């Protein structure tokens, strides 16, 4: 992430029991518009402020308090570090849901009642970045769109849901750009091993050359992907040099990539199913 992108981040403790000493702490960042509201109150030395119709923040005790039941409280914290600001979105990007059958995931699970204003603010920022390069060569436009796809915001999920749903009504808007597996889905993948079946991912797929990154933000399944280096480069793009978070070493698989499943085993250490898959060279790749 560029230095100018770093900012103060406010997060709320999102464990089921936020006061338990036996759980690993889980922190979820507030959406930007609420984050800015809290930071402004903090800078102005306010004691507390209301962030929506259900919650207020006690800035002295660093607590989020339910307005309707003051006994419902959660710790909040203030950080000046990019890690907490983007971890939620990194998990969202690397946690792709790709069952064999078509599926659409739920809408972006933003916290708080001001999500529409937040969407508007982020959309205006994205539009501004695109307009800055709209008269440049197509290579610059492609690079900009790929970079924005890695930006910690709502865009990546909207793009992938549109691709999965084959929603052509959004073609004008998203044209330049374009959760965990259930037991039944895991079983379907497992049954495909060794049967010569080929499958296709309809959306963009975010992967990393660093296994630790995938393990950190993955869910109950880890895909170990084998892909050939092809001169035509029509199956993936290395985003390391242009991504917002360069230490992820992200490889973005293009839409329509085909693959076959070689093997599957359960890793007791990480408590995940490990699927070894092989990306099938495209027709263009095979003749280059």
C-alpha atoms as a PDB file:
ATOM      1  CA  UNK A   1       0.000   0.000   0.000  1.00  0.00           C
ATOM      2  CA  UNK A   2       1.259   3.475  -0.800  1.00  0.00           C
ATOM      3  CA  UNK A   3       2.244   5.623   2.134  1.00  0.00           C
ATOM      4  CA  UNK A   4      -0.488   8.172   1.314  1.00  0.00           C
ATOM      5  CA  UNK A   5      -3.104   5.421   1.634  1.00  0.00           C
ATOM      6  CA  UNK A   6      -2.234   4.709   5.259  1.00  0.00           C
ATOM      7  CA  UNK A   7      -4.630   6.201   7.784  1.00  0.00           C
ATOM      8  CA  UNK A   8      -6.059   5.924  11.269  1.00  0.00           C
ATOM      9  CA  UNK A   9      -8.283   2.871  11.567  1.00  0.00           C
ATOM     10  CA  UNK A  10     -10.958   2.260  14.187  1.00  0.00           C
ATOM     11  CA  UNK A  11     -12.106  -1.339  14.724  1.00  0.00           C
ATOM     12  CA  UNK A  12     -14.618  -3.122  16.930  1.00  0.00           C
ATOM     13  CA  UNK A  13     -13.992  -6.484  18.588  1.00  0.00           C
ATOM     14  CA  UNK A  14     -16.164  -8.925  16.662  1.00  0.00           C
ATOM     15  CA  UNK A  15     -15.760 -12.133  18.685  1.00  0.00           C
ATOM     16  CA  UNK A  16     -19.026 -13.839  19.642  1.00  0.00           C
ATOM     17  CA  UNK A  17     -18.031 -13.153  23.234  1.00  0.00           C
ATOM     18  CA  UNK A  18     -15.873 -10.005  23.107  1.00  0.00           C
ATOM     19  CA  UNK A  19     -14.808 -10.416  26.735  1.00  0.00           C
ATOM     20  CA  UNK A  20     -13.615 -14.021  26.553  1.00  0.00           C
ATOM     21  CA  UNK A  21      -9.963 -14.604  27.437  1.00  0.00           C
ATOM     22  CA  UNK A  22      -9.961 -18.015  25.727  1.00  0.00           C
ATOM     23  CA  UNK A  23     -10.508 -16.786  22.168  1.00  0.00           C
ATOM     24  CA  UNK A  24      -8.178 -15.221  19.652  1.00  0.00           C
ATOM     25  CA  UNK A  25      -9.066 -11.553  19.268  1.00  0.00           C
ATOM     26  CA  UNK A  26     -11.008 -10.726  16.116  1.00  0.00           C
ATOM     27  CA  UNK A  27     -11.201  -7.092  15.046  1.00  0.00           C
ATOM     28  CA  UNK A  28     -13.393  -5.705  12.275  1.00  0.00           C
ATOM     29  CA  UNK A  29     -12.787  -2.185  10.932  1.00  0.00           C
ATOM     30  CA  UNK A  30     -15.657   0.277  10.845  1.00  0.00           C
ATOM     31  CA  UNK A  31     -16.734   1.405   7.400  1.00  0.00           C
ATOM     32  CA  UNK A  32     -14.819   4.532   6.294  1.00  0.00           C
ATOM     33  CA  UNK A  33     -17.599   7.048   6.892  1.00  0.00           C
ATOM     34  CA  UNK A  34     -18.036   5.884  10.511  1.00  0.00           C
ATOM     35  CA  UNK A  35     -14.272   5.552  10.913  1.00  0.00           C
ATOM     36  CA  UNK A  36     -13.877   9.215   9.961  1.00  0.00           C
ATOM     37  CA  UNK A  37     -16.715  10.212  12.280  1.00  0.00           C
ATOM     38  CA  UNK A  38     -15.086   8.473  15.248  1.00  0.00           C
ATOM     39  CA  UNK A  39     -11.638   9.869  14.465  1.00  0.00           C
ATOM     40  CA  UNK A  40     -13.021  13.393  14.201  1.00  0.00           C
ATOM     41  CA  UNK A  41     -14.698  13.017  17.592  1.00  0.00           C
ATOM     42  CA  UNK A  42     -11.460  11.656  19.028  1.00  0.00           C
ATOM     43  CA  UNK A  43      -9.457  14.597  17.689  1.00  0.00           C
ATOM     44  CA  UNK A  44     -12.009  17.043  19.137  1.00  0.00           C
ATOM     45  CA  UNK A  45     -11.761  15.334  22.548  1.00  0.00           C
ATOM     46  CA  UNK A  46     -15.424  14.327  22.659  1.00  0.00           C
ATOM     47  CA  UNK A  47     -16.426  11.912  25.414  1.00  0.00           C
ATOM     48  CA  UNK A  48     -18.875   9.940  23.292  1.00  0.00           C
ATOM     49  CA  UNK A  49     -20.664  10.072  19.968  1.00  0.00           C
ATOM     50  CA  UNK A  50     -23.565   8.274  18.307  1.00  0.00           C
ATOM     51  CA  UNK A  51     -22.568   6.422  15.129  1.00  0.00           C
ATOM     52  CA  UNK A  52     -25.994   5.069  14.133  1.00  0.00           C
ATOM     53  CA  UNK A  53     -29.458   4.410  15.544  1.00  0.00           C
ATOM     54  CA  UNK A  54     -28.239   1.442  17.583  1.00  0.00           C
ATOM     55  CA  UNK A  55     -24.730   2.239  18.789  1.00  0.00           C
ATOM     56  CA  UNK A  56     -22.612   4.916  20.390  1.00  0.00           C
ATOM     57  CA  UNK A  57     -18.878   5.060  21.103  1.00  0.00           C
ATOM     58  CA  UNK A  58     -17.464   5.911  24.526  1.00  0.00           C
ATOM     59  CA  UNK A  59     -14.136   7.502  23.597  1.00  0.00           C
ATOM     60  CA  UNK A  60     -12.874   7.568  27.177  1.00  0.00           C
ATOM     61  CA  UNK A  61     -13.427   3.873  27.868  1.00  0.00           C
ATOM     62  CA  UNK A  62     -12.999   2.828  24.203  1.00  0.00           C
ATOM     63  CA  UNK A  63     -16.289   0.946  24.119  1.00  0.00           C
ATOM     64  CA  UNK A  64     -19.056   0.465  21.591  1.00  0.00           C
ATOM     65  CA  UNK A  65     -22.339   0.554  23.532  1.00  0.00           C
ATOM     66  CA  UNK A  66     -25.798  -0.529  22.427  1.00  0.00           C
ATOM     67  CA  UNK A  67     -28.113   2.454  22.872  1.00  0.00           C
ATOM     68  CA  UNK A  68     -31.112   0.240  23.644  1.00  0.00           C
ATOM     69  CA  UNK A  69     -29.254  -2.010  26.088  1.00  0.00           C
ATOM     70  CA  UNK A  70     -26.222  -0.431  27.749  1.00  0.00           C
ATOM     71  CA  UNK A  71     -25.121  -3.835  29.041  1.00  0.00           C
ATOM     72  CA  UNK A  72     -24.251  -4.853  25.482  1.00  0.00           C
ATOM     73  CA  UNK A  73     -20.753  -3.496  25.027  1.00  0.00           C
ATOM     74  CA  UNK A  74     -17.745  -4.269  22.864  1.00  0.00           C
ATOM     75  CA  UNK A  75     -14.189  -2.930  22.962  1.00  0.00           C
ATOM     76  CA  UNK A  76     -13.023  -0.659  20.152  1.00  0.00           C
ATOM     77  CA  UNK A  77      -9.469   0.278  19.267  1.00  0.00           C
ATOM     78  CA  UNK A  78      -7.578   2.896  17.287  1.00  0.00           C
ATOM     79  CA  UNK A  79      -4.650   1.889  15.069  1.00  0.00           C
ATOM     80  CA  UNK A  80      -2.316   3.638  12.678  1.00  0.00           C
ATOM     81  CA  UNK A  81      -1.315   0.641  10.650  1.00  0.00           C
ATOM     82  CA  UNK A  82      -2.348  -0.585   7.207  1.00  0.00           C
ATOM     83  CA  UNK A  83      -2.659  -4.199   8.409  1.00  0.00           C
ATOM     84  CA  UNK A  84      -5.902  -3.677  10.343  1.00  0.00           C
ATOM     85  CA  UNK A  85      -7.303  -1.392   7.678  1.00  0.00           C
ATOM     86  CA  UNK A  86      -7.174  -3.980   4.920  1.00  0.00           C
ATOM     87  CA  UNK A  87      -7.289  -7.396   6.611  1.00  0.00           C
ATOM     88  CA  UNK A  88     -11.069  -7.630   6.275  1.00  0.00           C
ATOM     89  CA  UNK A  89     -10.946  -6.952   2.544  1.00  0.00           C
ATOM     90  CA  UNK A  90      -7.959  -9.247   2.041  1.00  0.00           C
ATOM     91  CA  UNK A  91      -9.930 -12.078   3.598  1.00  0.00           C
ATOM     92  CA  UNK A  92     -12.867 -11.189   1.345  1.00  0.00           C
ATOM     93  CA  UNK A  93     -10.694 -11.281  -1.777  1.00  0.00           C
ATOM     94  CA  UNK A  94      -8.822 -14.521  -1.106  1.00  0.00           C
ATOM     95  CA  UNK A  95     -11.925 -16.290   0.252  1.00  0.00           C
ATOM     96  CA  UNK A  96     -13.599 -16.960  -3.086  1.00  0.00           C
ATOM     97  CA  UNK A  97     -16.619 -19.272  -3.224  1.00  0.00           C
ATOM     98  CA  UNK A  98     -16.570 -21.369  -6.387  1.00  0.00           C
ATOM     99  CA  UNK A  99     -18.851 -24.430  -6.177  1.00  0.00           C
ATOM    100  CA  UNK A 100     -19.361 -26.598  -9.235  1.00  0.00           C
ATOM    101  CA  UNK A 101     -22.892 -25.316  -9.538  1.00  0.00           C
ATOM    102  CA  UNK A 102     -23.652 -21.656 -10.092  1.00  0.00           C
ATOM    103  CA  UNK A 103     -24.026 -19.582  -6.948  1.00  0.00           C
ATOM    104  CA  UNK A 104     -24.268 -15.982  -5.863  1.00  0.00           C
ATOM    105  CA  UNK A 105     -22.913 -14.898  -2.499  1.00  0.00           C
ATOM    106  CA  UNK A 106     -24.706 -12.496  -0.206  1.00  0.00           C
ATOM    107  CA  UNK A 107     -24.372  -8.753  -0.564  1.00  0.00           C
ATOM    108  CA  UNK A 108     -21.281  -7.105   0.893  1.00  0.00           C
ATOM    109  CA  UNK A 109     -21.588  -7.499   4.689  1.00  0.00           C
ATOM    110  CA  UNK A 110     -20.714  -3.964   5.709  1.00  0.00           C
ATOM    111  CA  UNK A 111     -21.355  -3.028   9.304  1.00  0.00           C
ATOM    112  CA  UNK A 112     -23.574  -0.080  10.207  1.00  0.00           C
ATOM    113  CA  UNK A 113     -26.553   1.755   8.747  1.00  0.00           C
ATOM    114  CA  UNK A 114     -24.630   4.245   6.587  1.00  0.00           C
ATOM    115  CA  UNK A 115     -23.423   1.756   3.987  1.00  0.00           C
ATOM    116  CA  UNK A 116     -25.155   3.535   1.119  1.00  0.00           C
ATOM    117  CA  UNK A 117     -23.232   6.731   1.843  1.00  0.00           C
ATOM    118  CA  UNK A 118     -20.066   4.682   2.174  1.00  0.00           C
ATOM    119  CA  UNK A 119     -20.670   3.038  -1.212  1.00  0.00           C
ATOM    120  CA  UNK A 120     -21.213   6.468  -2.746  1.00  0.00           C
ATOM    121  CA  UNK A 121     -17.985   7.854  -1.314  1.00  0.00           C
ATOM    122  CA  UNK A 122     -15.933   4.858  -2.462  1.00  0.00           C
ATOM    123  CA  UNK A 123     -17.577   4.862  -5.889  1.00  0.00           C
ATOM    124  CA  UNK A 124     -16.730   8.536  -6.358  1.00  0.00           C
ATOM    125  CA  UNK A 125     -13.101   7.826  -5.479  1.00  0.00           C
ATOM    126  CA  UNK A 126     -12.922   4.934  -7.958  1.00  0.00           C
ATOM    127  CA  UNK A 127     -14.529   7.048 -10.667  1.00  0.00           C
ATOM    128  CA  UNK A 128     -12.017   9.822 -10.064  1.00  0.00           C
ATOM    129  CA  UNK A 129      -9.072   7.436 -10.489  1.00  0.00           C
ATOM    130  CA  UNK A 130     -10.472   6.028 -13.741  1.00  0.00           C
ATOM    131  CA  UNK A 131     -11.185   9.477 -15.174  1.00  0.00           C
ATOM    132  CA  UNK A 132      -7.568  10.461 -14.619  1.00  0.00           C
ATOM    133  CA  UNK A 133      -6.432   7.841 -17.133  1.00  0.00           C
ATOM    134  CA  UNK A 134      -9.473   7.530 -19.429  1.00  0.00           C
ATOM    135  CA  UNK A 135      -7.643   9.189 -22.331  1.00  0.00           C
ATOM    136  CA  UNK A 136      -4.520   7.095 -21.882  1.00  0.00           C
ATOM    137  CA  UNK A 137      -3.644   3.990 -23.870  1.00  0.00           C
ATOM    138  CA  UNK A 138      -5.668   0.830 -23.259  1.00  0.00           C
ATOM    139  CA  UNK A 139      -2.717  -0.724 -21.400  1.00  0.00           C
ATOM    140  CA  UNK A 140      -2.904   2.047 -18.786  1.00  0.00           C
ATOM    141  CA  UNK A 141      -6.660   1.569 -18.415  1.00  0.00           C
ATOM    142  CA  UNK A 142      -6.218  -2.168 -17.927  1.00  0.00           C
ATOM    143  CA  UNK A 143      -3.486  -1.596 -15.351  1.00  0.00           C
ATOM    144  CA  UNK A 144      -5.660   0.899 -13.466  1.00  0.00           C
ATOM    145  CA  UNK A 145      -8.664  -1.450 -13.396  1.00  0.00           C
ATOM    146  CA  UNK A 146      -6.530  -4.339 -12.156  1.00  0.00           C
ATOM    147  CA  UNK A 147      -5.056  -2.140  -9.429  1.00  0.00           C
ATOM    148  CA  UNK A 148      -8.496  -0.907  -8.314  1.00  0.00           C
ATOM    149  CA  UNK A 149      -9.664  -4.522  -8.120  1.00  0.00           C
ATOM    150  CA  UNK A 150      -7.107  -5.045  -5.333  1.00  0.00           C
ATOM    151  CA  UNK A 151      -8.218  -1.890  -3.488  1.00  0.00           C
ATOM    152  CA  UNK A 152      -9.845  -2.529  -0.084  1.00  0.00           C
ATOM    153  CA  UNK A 153     -13.431  -1.636  -1.068  1.00  0.00           C
ATOM    154  CA  UNK A 154     -16.679  -3.071  -2.427  1.00  0.00           C
ATOM    155  CA  UNK A 155     -15.584  -3.267  -6.082  1.00  0.00           C
ATOM    156  CA  UNK A 156     -14.103  -6.773  -6.183  1.00  0.00           C
ATOM    157  CA  UNK A 157     -17.297  -8.399  -4.891  1.00  0.00           C
ATOM    158  CA  UNK A 158     -19.577  -6.450  -7.245  1.00  0.00           C
ATOM    159  CA  UNK A 159     -17.420  -7.443 -10.222  1.00  0.00           C
ATOM    160  CA  UNK A 160     -17.388 -11.130  -9.318  1.00  0.00           C
ATOM    161  CA  UNK A 161     -21.101 -11.336  -8.523  1.00  0.00           C
ATOM    162  CA  UNK A 162     -21.868  -9.713 -11.869  1.00  0.00           C
ATOM    163  CA  UNK A 163     -19.666 -12.216 -13.705  1.00  0.00           C
ATOM    164  CA  UNK A 164     -21.136 -15.192 -11.860  1.00  0.00           C
ATOM    165  CA  UNK A 165     -24.681 -13.997 -12.575  1.00  0.00           C
ATOM    166  CA  UNK A 166     -23.841 -13.147 -16.199  1.00  0.00           C
ATOM    167  CA  UNK A 167     -25.576  -9.825 -15.563  1.00  0.00           C
ATOM    168  CA  UNK A 168     -25.200  -7.859 -18.783  1.00  0.00           C
ATOM    169  CA  UNK A 169     -27.198  -4.921 -17.406  1.00  0.00           C
ATOM    170  CA  UNK A 170     -24.012  -3.836 -15.606  1.00  0.00           C
ATOM    171  CA  UNK A 171     -21.856  -4.124 -18.725  1.00  0.00           C
ATOM    172  CA  UNK A 172     -21.689  -0.358 -19.228  1.00  0.00           C
ATOM    173  CA  UNK A 173     -20.639   0.228 -15.623  1.00  0.00           C
ATOM    174  CA  UNK A 174     -18.275  -2.691 -15.085  1.00  0.00           C
ATOM    175  CA  UNK A 175     -17.174  -3.276 -18.665  1.00  0.00           C
ATOM    176  CA  UNK A 176     -13.553  -2.240 -18.043  1.00  0.00           C
ATOM    177  CA  UNK A 177     -13.264  -4.759 -15.257  1.00  0.00           C
ATOM    178  CA  UNK A 178     -14.902  -7.414 -16.992  1.00  0.00           C
ATOM    179  CA  UNK A 179     -17.265 -17.743   2.650  1.00  0.00           C
ATOM    180  CA  UNK A 180     -16.738 -21.132   3.150  1.00  0.00           C
ATOM    181  CA  UNK A 181     -17.538 -24.155   1.020  1.00  0.00           C
ATOM    182  CA  UNK A 182     -20.285 -26.373   2.375  1.00  0.00           C
ATOM    183  CA  UNK A 183     -19.696 -30.058   3.069  1.00  0.00           C
ATOM    184  CA  UNK A 184     -21.778 -30.970   0.001  1.00  0.00           C
ATOM    185  CA  UNK A 185     -19.639 -28.716  -2.195  1.00  0.00           C
ATOM    186  CA  UNK A 186     -16.442 -30.232  -0.818  1.00  0.00           C
ATOM    187  CA  UNK A 187     -17.868 -33.686  -1.480  1.00  0.00           C
ATOM    188  CA  UNK A 188     -18.685 -32.748  -5.085  1.00  0.00           C
ATOM    189  CA  UNK A 189     -15.122 -31.571  -5.659  1.00  0.00           C
ATOM    190  CA  UNK A 190     -13.764 -34.736  -4.060  1.00  0.00           C
ATOM    191  CA  UNK A 191     -15.875 -36.969  -6.293  1.00  0.00           C
ATOM    192  CA  UNK A 192     -14.417 -35.263  -9.368  1.00  0.00           C
ATOM    193  CA  UNK A 193     -10.872 -36.477  -8.662  1.00  0.00           C
ATOM    194  CA  UNK A 194      -9.443 -38.768 -11.327  1.00  0.00           C
ATOM    195  CA  UNK A 195     -12.542 -38.716 -13.532  1.00  0.00           C
ATOM    196  CA  UNK A 196     -11.200 -36.398 -16.205  1.00  0.00           C
ATOM    197  CA  UNK A 197     -13.739 -33.688 -15.428  1.00  0.00           C
ATOM    198  CA  UNK A 198     -12.919 -30.090 -16.261  1.00  0.00           C
ATOM    199  CA  UNK A 199     -14.445 -27.102 -14.524  1.00  0.00           C
ATOM    200  CA  UNK A 200     -14.443 -23.376 -15.103  1.00  0.00           C
ATOM    201  CA  UNK A 201     -14.342 -20.378 -12.793  1.00  0.00           C
ATOM    202  CA  UNK A 202     -16.652 -17.635 -14.058  1.00  0.00           C
ATOM    203  CA  UNK A 203     -15.250 -14.820 -11.934  1.00  0.00           C
ATOM    204  CA  UNK A 204     -11.818 -13.364 -11.335  1.00  0.00           C
ATOM    205  CA  UNK A 205      -9.882 -15.450  -8.801  1.00  0.00           C
ATOM    206  CA  UNK A 206      -7.400 -13.845  -6.412  1.00  0.00           C
ATOM    207  CA  UNK A 207      -4.502 -16.108  -5.477  1.00  0.00           C
ATOM    208  CA  UNK A 208      -1.085 -15.584  -3.923  1.00  0.00           C
ATOM    209  CA  UNK A 209       2.390 -16.949  -4.559  1.00  0.00           C
ATOM    210  CA  UNK A 210       2.876 -16.833  -0.788  1.00  0.00           C
ATOM    211  CA  UNK A 211       1.102 -19.742   0.853  1.00  0.00           C
ATOM    212  CA  UNK A 212       1.094 -18.029   4.254  1.00  0.00           C
ATOM    213  CA  UNK A 213      -1.065 -15.234   2.839  1.00  0.00           C
ATOM    214  CA  UNK A 214      -3.675 -17.678   1.583  1.00  0.00           C
ATOM    215  CA  UNK A 215      -3.642 -19.581   4.869  1.00  0.00           C
ATOM    216  CA  UNK A 216      -4.036 -16.367   6.834  1.00  0.00           C
ATOM    217  CA  UNK A 217      -7.103 -15.194   4.937  1.00  0.00           C
ATOM    218  CA  UNK A 218      -8.527 -18.473   3.667  1.00  0.00           C
ATOM    219  CA  UNK A 219     -11.516 -20.387   5.016  1.00  0.00           C
ATOM    220  CA  UNK A 220     -12.021 -24.133   5.319  1.00  0.00           C
ATOM    221  CA  UNK A 221     -10.469 -24.952   1.931  1.00  0.00           C
ATOM    222  CA  UNK A 222      -7.041 -24.172   0.483  1.00  0.00           C
ATOM    223  CA  UNK A 223      -6.424 -24.499  -3.247  1.00  0.00           C
ATOM    224  CA  UNK A 224      -2.868 -25.416  -4.234  1.00  0.00           C
ATOM    225  CA  UNK A 225      -2.746 -24.336  -7.856  1.00  0.00           C
ATOM    226  CA  UNK A 226      -0.363 -25.518 -10.548  1.00  0.00           C
ATOM    227  CA  UNK A 227      -0.183 -23.282 -13.600  1.00  0.00           C
ATOM    228  CA  UNK A 228       2.201 -23.217 -16.537  1.00  0.00           C
ATOM    229  CA  UNK A 229       4.068 -20.082 -17.549  1.00  0.00           C
ATOM    230  CA  UNK A 230       2.656 -19.297 -20.976  1.00  0.00           C
ATOM    231  CA  UNK A 231       3.954 -16.545 -23.252  1.00  0.00           C
ATOM    232  CA  UNK A 232       0.419 -15.552 -24.297  1.00  0.00           C
ATOM    233  CA  UNK A 233      -0.392 -14.693 -20.646  1.00  0.00           C
ATOM    234  CA  UNK A 234      -4.118 -15.158 -21.336  1.00  0.00           C
ATOM    235  CA  UNK A 235      -4.906 -17.008 -18.107  1.00  0.00           C
ATOM    236  CA  UNK A 236      -3.465 -14.882 -15.324  1.00  0.00           C
ATOM    237  CA  UNK A 237      -1.902 -11.538 -14.450  1.00  0.00           C
ATOM    238  CA  UNK A 238       0.820 -10.929 -11.878  1.00  0.00           C
ATOM    239  CA  UNK A 239      -0.418  -7.904  -9.894  1.00  0.00           C
ATOM    240  CA  UNK A 240       2.570  -7.611  -7.562  1.00  0.00           C
ATOM    241  CA  UNK A 241       3.928  -4.442  -9.150  1.00  0.00           C
ATOM    242  CA  UNK A 242       0.609  -2.554  -9.276  1.00  0.00           C
ATOM    243  CA  UNK A 243      -1.488  -3.902  -6.379  1.00  0.00           C
ATOM    244  CA  UNK A 244      -2.403  -1.808  -3.354  1.00  0.00           C
ATOM    245  CA  UNK A 245      -0.802  -4.457  -1.127  1.00  0.00           C
ATOM    246  CA  UNK A 246       2.374  -5.617  -2.851  1.00  0.00           C
ATOM    247  CA  UNK A 247       3.515  -8.087  -0.183  1.00  0.00           C
ATOM    248  CA  UNK A 248       0.625 -10.395  -1.085  1.00  0.00           C
ATOM    249  CA  UNK A 249       2.358 -11.253  -4.400  1.00  0.00           C
ATOM    250  CA  UNK A 250      -1.086 -11.631  -5.916  1.00  0.00           C
ATOM    251  CA  UNK A 251      -1.739 -13.612  -9.083  1.00  0.00           C
ATOM    252  CA  UNK A 252      -5.146 -12.798 -10.572  1.00  0.00           C
ATOM    253  CA  UNK A 253      -6.658 -15.618 -12.611  1.00  0.00           C
ATOM    254  CA  UNK A 254      -8.713 -14.375 -15.526  1.00  0.00           C
ATOM    255  CA  UNK A 255     -12.401 -15.189 -15.921  1.00  0.00           C
ATOM    256  CA  UNK A 256     -13.233 -18.438 -17.673  1.00  0.00           C
ATOM    257  CA  UNK A 257     -10.081 -20.270 -16.555  1.00  0.00           C
ATOM    258  CA  UNK A 258     -10.539 -24.048 -16.719  1.00  0.00           C
ATOM    259  CA  UNK A 259      -9.090 -26.484 -14.219  1.00  0.00           C
ATOM    260  CA  UNK A 260      -9.115 -30.114 -13.139  1.00  0.00           C
ATOM    261  CA  UNK A 261      -8.822 -31.531  -9.624  1.00  0.00           C
ATOM    262  CA  UNK A 262      -5.821 -33.811  -9.066  1.00  0.00           C
ATOM    263  CA  UNK A 263      -6.169 -34.705  -5.388  1.00  0.00           C
ATOM    264  CA  UNK A 264      -7.670 -33.764  -2.054  1.00  0.00           C
ATOM    265  CA  UNK A 265      -6.614 -34.370   1.528  1.00  0.00           C
ATOM    266  CA  UNK A 266      -7.434 -32.977   4.962  1.00  0.00           C
ATOM    267  CA  UNK A 267      -4.705 -31.073   6.807  1.00  0.00           C
ATOM    268  CA  UNK A 268      -4.989 -31.617  10.566  1.00  0.00           C
ATOM    269  CA  UNK A 269      -2.617 -28.726  11.296  1.00  0.00           C
ATOM    270  CA  UNK A 270      -4.681 -26.060   9.571  1.00  0.00           C
ATOM    271  CA  UNK A 271      -7.996 -27.963   9.775  1.00  0.00           C
ATOM    272  CA  UNK A 272      -8.574 -27.369   6.074  1.00  0.00           C
ATOM    273  CA  UNK A 273      -9.218 -29.442   2.984  1.00  0.00           C
ATOM    274  CA  UNK A 274      -6.299 -29.105   0.560  1.00  0.00           C
ATOM    275  CA  UNK A 275      -7.316 -29.335  -3.087  1.00  0.00           C
ATOM    276  CA  UNK A 276      -4.496 -29.727  -5.602  1.00  0.00           C
ATOM    277  CA  UNK A 277      -5.765 -28.366  -8.893  1.00  0.00           C
ATOM    278  CA  UNK A 278      -4.170 -27.883 -12.285  1.00  0.00           C
ATOM    279  CA  UNK A 279      -5.029 -24.991 -14.560  1.00  0.00           C
ATOM    280  CA  UNK A 280      -5.723 -26.306 -18.055  1.00  0.00           C
ATOM    281  CA  UNK A 281      -3.933 -24.375 -20.845  1.00  0.00           C
ATOM    282  CA  UNK A 282      -6.330 -22.506 -23.085  1.00  0.00           C
ATOM    283  CA  UNK A 283      -6.547 -23.074 -26.822  1.00  0.00           C
ATOM    284  CA  UNK A 284      -4.512 -19.921 -27.431  1.00  0.00           C
ATOM    285  CA  UNK A 285      -1.871 -21.018 -24.928  1.00  0.00           C
ATOM    286  CA  UNK A 286      -1.520 -24.444 -26.517  1.00  0.00           C
ATOM    287  CA  UNK A 287      -0.635 -23.077 -29.956  1.00  0.00           C
ATOM    288  CA  UNK A 288       1.826 -20.388 -28.812  1.00  0.00           C
END
